[in-house]
Amino acid sequence: MKKEVMGLIVKRDDGSEIINYDDPAFPSYVYEGWICPNVTWARVPAFHEDIEMMTITEGSVGYVVNGKTIILHEGDTIFINSNQIHYTTWLSEETCKYVIFIFHPSIISSTLAVEMSAVLPIIDNRELSYIRFRDINESTEEMHRLMLSLPNIRRDPFAVTKTVYSIWDLILKQTSAFGLLETDDTSDSHSRALKNMMFYIQTEYKNPITLDQIAKSANISKSLCNKLFRQYAQESPVNYVMHFRARKVAEYLRSSDMSLSEIASLTGFSGVSYMSEIFRRFFGTSPLKYKKSWAQNPGATGE
């Protein structure tokens, strides 16, 4: 795991998230984390090829998948399918604790036959965006047990692989019980459009960006652009741009000794004052206080 990017969203050229695996040679990530208002890893829309799962061990949290908010309480587990636009959000001032598990489907694609019969029917099903395991699901208790076992074996690829197969078996059974839905081409095209716009913002955030430019990057109207951002990310395109720039400011504060004016010029802000105002809006503190807090206690601001 690369400590310098812990708690930060790092993306590829296509806009998808790069997972900070526990071991670069084995594609899985396990972490016992927490969320409360204004942490850097909350309310950040992302997508990736990997499967993402979260089990709540204390409190409650909101998990937004393709614009739909799923409320998770202690004991619940959520499965997020490959390439879904998702993020976590806090529900109250109280801290929620969880175990998160992210893994690439290649771990269980041991042979072509297994991949074709048991993996692709799940990850290629565009209508299967998530599964929530809660009290009404008979597999919930077993899924909860498997998820809680992961932190102790996170650095043992063989043990993690065995556990992934057990988890996947429960996912297959639950999917079979739900039945497979027909593909909605409109929903899929909207998801692609949003990903294109997110990628455009990621590559152009240092420059002035207008709503018209964002919409044109996906060849859609400004009204549809607004609608998709509010549906999937629950914020306007303009607010998403500001949020993205503020996260970039946080990255520079954590990883460099540059002045605030230098950071402002690199993150698309017209000046330090405006940058500080926007940063405070999203992180609840000033850039200087954030940098000082990070230097004293990295885990308090973004791990």
Protein backbone atom coordinates (compact mmCIF):
# COMPACT_ATOMS: atom_id res chain seq x y z
CA MET A 1 0.00 0.00 0.00
CA LYS A 2 1.24 3.49 -0.84
CA LYS A 3 0.90 5.60 2.31
CA GLU A 4 1.22 8.89 0.41
CA VAL A 5 -2.17 8.34 -1.26
CA MET A 6 -4.05 6.84 1.68
CA GLY A 7 -7.48 8.43 1.96
CA LEU A 8 -7.24 10.06 -1.47
CA ILE A 9 -9.00 9.23 -4.74
CA VAL A 10 -6.41 8.61 -7.47
CA LYS A 11 -7.64 8.08 -11.03
CA ARG A 12 -6.51 6.68 -14.37
CA ASP A 13 -6.67 8.56 -17.67
CA ASP A 14 -10.18 7.19 -18.31
CA GLY A 15 -11.41 8.61 -15.00
CA SER A 16 -11.67 5.29 -13.15
CA GLU A 17 -10.24 5.03 -9.64
CA ILE A 18 -6.92 3.34 -8.97
CA ILE A 19 -7.28 1.13 -5.90
CA ASN A 20 -4.46 1.36 -3.37
CA TYR A 21 -4.08 -2.41 -2.88
CA ASP A 22 -2.56 -3.79 0.31
CA ASP A 23 -0.01 -5.64 -1.84
CA PRO A 24 0.81 -4.45 -5.40
CA ALA A 25 1.13 -8.11 -6.40
CA PHE A 26 -2.37 -9.07 -5.20
CA PRO A 27 -5.46 -6.99 -6.09
CA SER A 28 -7.30 -6.61 -2.79
CA TYR A 29 -7.70 -3.92 -0.16
CA VAL A 30 -9.09 -4.34 3.37
CA TYR A 31 -9.48 -1.52 5.85
CA GLU A 32 -11.26 -0.91 9.14
CA GLY A 33 -12.36 2.65 8.60
CA TRP A 34 -14.71 5.35 9.79
CA ILE A 35 -16.67 8.27 8.39
CA CYS A 36 -17.90 11.52 9.87
CA PRO A 37 -18.69 14.95 8.38
CA ASN A 38 -16.03 16.63 6.21
CA VAL A 39 -13.57 13.74 5.84
CA THR A 40 -11.76 13.69 2.48
CA TRP A 41 -13.00 10.28 1.37
CA ALA A 42 -16.74 11.01 1.72
CA ARG A 43 -19.07 12.27 -1.02
CA VAL A 44 -16.48 11.63 -3.76
CA PRO A 45 -18.15 9.94 -6.78
CA ALA A 46 -15.89 7.26 -8.23
CA PHE A 47 -16.00 4.07 -10.27
CA HIS A 48 -13.59 1.19 -10.87
CA GLU A 49 -13.42 -2.35 -12.23
CA ASP A 50 -13.04 -3.74 -8.73
CA ILE A 51 -15.84 -5.06 -6.54
CA GLU A 52 -16.41 -2.94 -3.45
CA MET A 53 -18.03 -4.20 -0.24
CA MET A 54 -18.68 -2.57 3.11
CA THR A 55 -19.94 -3.98 6.41
CA ILE A 56 -21.10 -1.54 9.09
CA THR A 57 -19.74 -2.33 12.56
CA GLU A 58 -21.06 0.74 14.38
CA GLY A 59 -23.54 3.51 13.53
CA SER A 60 -25.13 4.22 10.15
CA VAL A 61 -23.97 5.54 6.79
CA GLY A 62 -25.44 6.48 3.43
CA TYR A 63 -24.06 4.71 0.35
CA VAL A 64 -24.99 6.33 -2.97
CA VAL A 65 -24.92 4.03 -6.02
CA ASN A 66 -25.77 5.47 -9.44
CA GLY A 67 -27.66 8.27 -7.73
CA LYS A 68 -29.67 6.07 -5.36
CA THR A 69 -29.02 6.41 -1.62
CA ILE A 70 -28.94 3.16 0.37
CA ILE A 71 -29.03 3.51 4.14
CA LEU A 72 -26.80 1.02 5.96
CA HIS A 73 -27.00 0.29 9.68
CA GLU A 74 -24.85 -1.75 12.04
CA GLY A 75 -24.71 -5.35 10.80
CA ASP A 76 -25.58 -4.50 7.17
CA THR A 77 -23.28 -5.28 4.24
CA ILE A 78 -23.41 -3.80 0.76
CA PHE A 79 -21.98 -5.29 -2.44
CA ILE A 80 -21.17 -2.76 -5.20
CA ASN A 81 -20.75 -4.24 -8.65
CA SER A 82 -17.93 -3.41 -11.04
CA ASN A 83 -17.91 0.04 -12.69
CA GLN A 84 -20.79 1.56 -10.72
CA ILE A 85 -20.66 5.26 -9.79
CA HIS A 86 -20.70 5.32 -6.01
CA TYR A 87 -19.67 7.14 -2.84
CA THR A 88 -20.32 7.19 0.91
CA THR A 89 -21.96 10.05 2.76
CA TRP A 90 -22.53 10.74 6.44
CA LEU A 91 -26.02 10.72 7.96
CA SER A 92 -25.32 12.55 11.22
CA GLU A 93 -22.57 14.06 13.32
CA GLU A 94 -21.86 10.64 14.83
CA THR A 95 -18.95 8.57 13.56
CA CYS A 96 -19.80 5.41 11.61
CA LYS A 97 -17.31 2.54 11.66
CA TYR A 98 -16.99 -0.13 9.00
CA VAL A 99 -14.88 -2.79 7.30
CA ILE A 100 -14.34 -2.10 3.62
CA PHE A 101 -13.17 -4.73 1.15
CA ILE A 102 -12.22 -3.99 -2.45
CA PHE A 103 -11.01 -6.70 -4.80
CA HIS A 104 -10.55 -7.28 -8.50
CA PRO A 105 -12.72 -10.01 -10.09
CA SER A 106 -9.56 -11.63 -11.48
CA ILE A 107 -9.03 -13.18 -8.02
CA ILE A 108 -11.86 -15.64 -8.63
CA SER A 109 -11.54 -15.91 -12.42
CA SER A 110 -9.30 -18.94 -12.02
CA THR A 111 -10.34 -20.51 -15.33
CA LEU A 112 -12.30 -19.37 -18.36
CA ALA A 113 -15.12 -21.74 -17.39
CA VAL A 114 -15.41 -20.19 -13.91
CA GLU A 115 -15.23 -16.68 -15.32
CA MET A 116 -17.93 -17.37 -17.92
CA SER A 117 -20.32 -19.22 -15.61
CA ALA A 118 -19.92 -17.45 -12.27
CA VAL A 119 -18.14 -14.09 -12.65
CA LEU A 120 -19.23 -12.42 -15.90
CA PRO A 121 -22.97 -13.03 -15.30
CA ILE A 122 -22.58 -10.77 -12.25
CA ILE A 123 -20.13 -8.07 -13.33
CA ASP A 124 -21.58 -7.76 -16.86
CA ASN A 125 -25.15 -7.40 -15.60
CA ARG A 126 -25.67 -3.66 -16.01
CA GLU A 127 -28.87 -3.77 -13.95
CA LEU A 128 -27.18 -5.38 -10.94
CA SER A 129 -25.56 -2.29 -9.46
CA TYR A 130 -25.62 -3.37 -5.81
CA ILE A 131 -26.95 -5.90 -3.30
CA ARG A 132 -27.72 -4.96 0.30
CA PHE A 133 -27.47 -7.73 2.87
CA ARG A 134 -29.55 -6.96 5.96
CA ASP A 135 -31.72 -8.77 8.50
CA ILE A 136 -34.29 -9.91 5.95
CA ASN A 137 -31.61 -11.77 3.94
CA GLU A 138 -30.73 -15.23 5.19
CA SER A 139 -27.11 -14.79 4.03
CA THR A 140 -26.53 -11.60 6.04
CA GLU A 141 -25.08 -13.22 9.15
CA GLU A 142 -22.62 -15.35 7.18
CA MET A 143 -21.62 -12.40 4.99
CA HIS A 144 -21.05 -10.32 8.12
CA ARG A 145 -18.84 -13.03 9.61
CA LEU A 146 -16.76 -13.32 6.43
CA MET A 147 -16.27 -9.58 6.14
CA LEU A 148 -15.15 -9.24 9.77
CA SER A 149 -12.60 -12.02 9.25
CA LEU A 150 -10.80 -10.09 6.51
CA PRO A 151 -8.75 -7.56 8.53
CA ASN A 152 -6.86 -10.41 10.22
CA ILE A 153 -5.92 -12.09 6.91
CA ARG A 154 -5.53 -9.02 4.66
CA ARG A 155 -1.87 -9.79 3.92
CA ASP A 156 -2.41 -13.50 3.23
CA PRO A 157 -3.40 -13.83 -0.47
CA PHE A 158 -4.38 -17.48 -0.14
CA ALA A 159 -6.66 -16.87 2.86
CA VAL A 160 -8.21 -13.81 1.18
CA THR A 161 -8.83 -15.82 -2.01
CA LYS A 162 -10.64 -18.56 -0.06
CA THR A 163 -12.79 -15.93 1.63
CA VAL A 164 -13.59 -14.22 -1.68
CA TYR A 165 -14.92 -17.51 -3.06
CA SER A 166 -17.17 -17.89 -0.01
CA ILE A 167 -18.39 -14.31 -0.38
CA TRP A 168 -18.99 -14.76 -4.11
CA ASP A 169 -21.03 -17.89 -3.46
CA LEU A 170 -23.38 -15.84 -1.26
CA ILE A 171 -23.59 -13.14 -3.94
CA LEU A 172 -24.47 -15.73 -6.59
CA LYS A 173 -27.18 -17.22 -4.39
CA GLN A 174 -28.65 -13.82 -3.60
CA THR A 175 -28.57 -12.79 -7.27
CA SER A 176 -30.30 -16.00 -8.25
CA ALA A 177 -32.99 -15.36 -5.67
CA PHE A 178 -33.57 -11.85 -7.05
CA GLY A 179 -33.52 -12.94 -10.70
CA LEU A 180 -31.69 -11.20 -13.54
CA LEU A 181 -33.23 -8.02 -14.92
CA GLU A 182 -33.30 -6.88 -18.52
CA THR A 183 -30.77 -4.26 -19.52
CA ASP A 184 -31.88 -0.64 -19.57
CA ASP A 185 -29.92 0.97 -22.44
CA THR A 186 -31.00 4.49 -21.45
CA SER A 187 -29.65 4.10 -17.93
CA ASP A 188 -26.38 2.73 -19.30
CA SER A 189 -25.95 5.63 -21.76
CA HIS A 190 -26.53 8.14 -18.97
CA SER A 191 -23.90 6.44 -16.83
CA ARG A 192 -21.39 6.61 -19.71
CA ALA A 193 -22.18 10.29 -20.25
CA LEU A 194 -21.52 11.11 -16.60
CA LYS A 195 -18.23 9.20 -16.63
CA ASN A 196 -17.16 11.20 -19.71
CA MET A 197 -17.98 14.46 -17.95
CA MET A 198 -16.18 13.40 -14.76
CA PHE A 199 -13.13 12.58 -16.89
CA TYR A 200 -13.31 15.97 -18.62
CA ILE A 201 -13.37 17.76 -15.27
CA GLN A 202 -10.48 15.66 -14.00
CA THR A 203 -8.31 16.65 -16.97
CA GLU A 204 -9.37 20.32 -17.22
CA TYR A 205 -9.88 21.37 -13.59
CA LYS A 206 -6.81 23.65 -13.66
CA ASN A 207 -8.49 25.79 -16.32
CA PRO A 208 -11.76 27.77 -16.32
CA ILE A 209 -14.65 25.33 -16.92
CA THR A 210 -18.18 26.27 -17.97
CA LEU A 211 -21.37 24.24 -17.81
CA ASP A 212 -21.52 24.31 -21.60
CA GLN A 213 -18.05 22.78 -21.87
CA ILE A 214 -18.93 20.02 -19.40
CA ALA A 215 -22.10 19.13 -21.33
CA LYS A 216 -20.29 19.18 -24.69
CA SER A 217 -17.69 16.73 -23.39
CA ALA A 218 -20.47 14.11 -23.31
CA ASN A 219 -22.42 15.46 -26.33
CA ILE A 220 -25.52 16.18 -24.25
CA SER A 221 -27.56 19.26 -23.40
CA LYS A 222 -26.86 21.49 -20.40
CA SER A 223 -30.20 20.52 -18.87
CA LEU A 224 -29.40 16.79 -19.12
CA CYS A 225 -25.91 17.51 -17.77
CA ASN A 226 -27.47 19.14 -14.70
CA LYS A 227 -29.95 16.30 -14.32
CA LEU A 228 -27.29 13.55 -14.45
CA PHE A 229 -24.99 15.19 -11.92
CA ARG A 230 -27.86 15.73 -9.51
CA GLN A 231 -29.11 12.17 -10.06
CA TYR A 232 -25.79 10.34 -9.74
CA ALA A 233 -23.60 12.69 -7.67
CA GLN A 234 -26.34 14.62 -5.84
CA GLU A 235 -24.74 17.97 -6.60
CA SER A 236 -24.68 20.39 -9.52
CA PRO A 237 -21.92 20.19 -12.17
CA VAL A 238 -20.47 23.50 -10.94
CA ASN A 239 -20.43 22.30 -7.33
CA TYR A 240 -18.80 19.04 -8.46
CA VAL A 241 -16.00 21.07 -10.11
CA MET A 242 -15.46 23.07 -6.91
CA HIS A 243 -15.52 19.89 -4.83
CA PHE A 244 -12.96 18.25 -7.14
CA ARG A 245 -10.65 21.28 -6.95
CA ALA A 246 -10.93 21.35 -3.15
CA ARG A 247 -9.86 17.70 -3.00
CA LYS A 248 -6.86 18.54 -5.17
CA VAL A 249 -5.96 21.32 -2.73
CA ALA A 250 -6.08 18.75 0.08
CA GLU A 251 -3.70 16.50 -1.87
CA TYR A 252 -1.14 19.31 -2.29
CA LEU A 253 -1.46 20.32 1.37
CA ARG A 254 -0.71 16.76 2.41
CA SER A 255 2.08 15.98 -0.04
CA SER A 256 4.00 19.23 -0.65
CA ASP A 257 5.45 22.35 0.96
CA MET A 258 4.08 24.71 -1.69
CA SER A 259 2.60 28.04 -0.67
CA LEU A 260 -1.16 28.60 -0.77
CA SER A 261 -0.78 30.89 -3.78
CA GLU A 262 1.11 28.18 -5.67
CA ILE A 263 -1.55 25.61 -4.80
CA ALA A 264 -4.33 27.97 -5.89
CA SER A 265 -2.72 28.45 -9.30
CA LEU A 266 -2.38 24.68 -9.77
CA THR A 267 -5.97 23.86 -8.82
CA GLY A 268 -7.96 26.31 -10.92
CA PHE A 269 -8.66 28.97 -8.30
CA SER A 270 -8.32 32.68 -9.05
CA GLY A 271 -6.69 33.41 -5.71
CA VAL A 272 -5.94 32.22 -2.18
CA SER A 273 -8.98 33.89 -0.63
CA TYR A 274 -11.45 32.19 -2.98
CA MET A 275 -9.63 28.86 -2.67
CA SER A 276 -9.81 29.08 1.13
CA GLU A 277 -13.52 29.89 1.00
CA ILE A 278 -14.31 26.88 -1.20
CA PHE A 279 -11.99 24.59 0.79
CA ARG A 280 -13.71 25.53 4.05
CA ARG A 281 -17.11 24.83 2.47
CA PHE A 282 -16.19 21.20 1.80
CA PHE A 283 -13.75 20.39 4.61
CA GLY A 284 -15.02 22.59 7.43
CA THR A 285 -11.63 24.14 8.14
CA SER A 286 -9.05 26.42 6.54
CA PRO A 287 -6.25 25.05 4.32
CA LEU A 288 -3.59 26.00 6.88
CA LYS A 289 -5.42 24.32 9.77
CA TYR A 290 -5.98 21.24 7.59
CA LYS A 291 -2.26 21.05 6.75
CA LYS A 292 -1.30 21.44 10.41
CA SER A 293 -3.81 18.78 11.50
CA TRP A 294 -2.51 16.38 8.84
CA ALA A 295 1.11 16.90 9.89
CA GLN A 296 0.27 16.20 13.54
CA ASN A 297 -2.13 13.28 12.98
CA PRO A 298 -2.51 11.87 9.43
CA GLY A 299 -5.32 9.52 10.44
CA ALA A 300 -7.51 12.42 11.56
CA THR A 301 -7.84 14.05 8.14
CA GLY A 302 -7.74 11.44 5.46
CA GLU A 303 -6.57 7.90 6.13
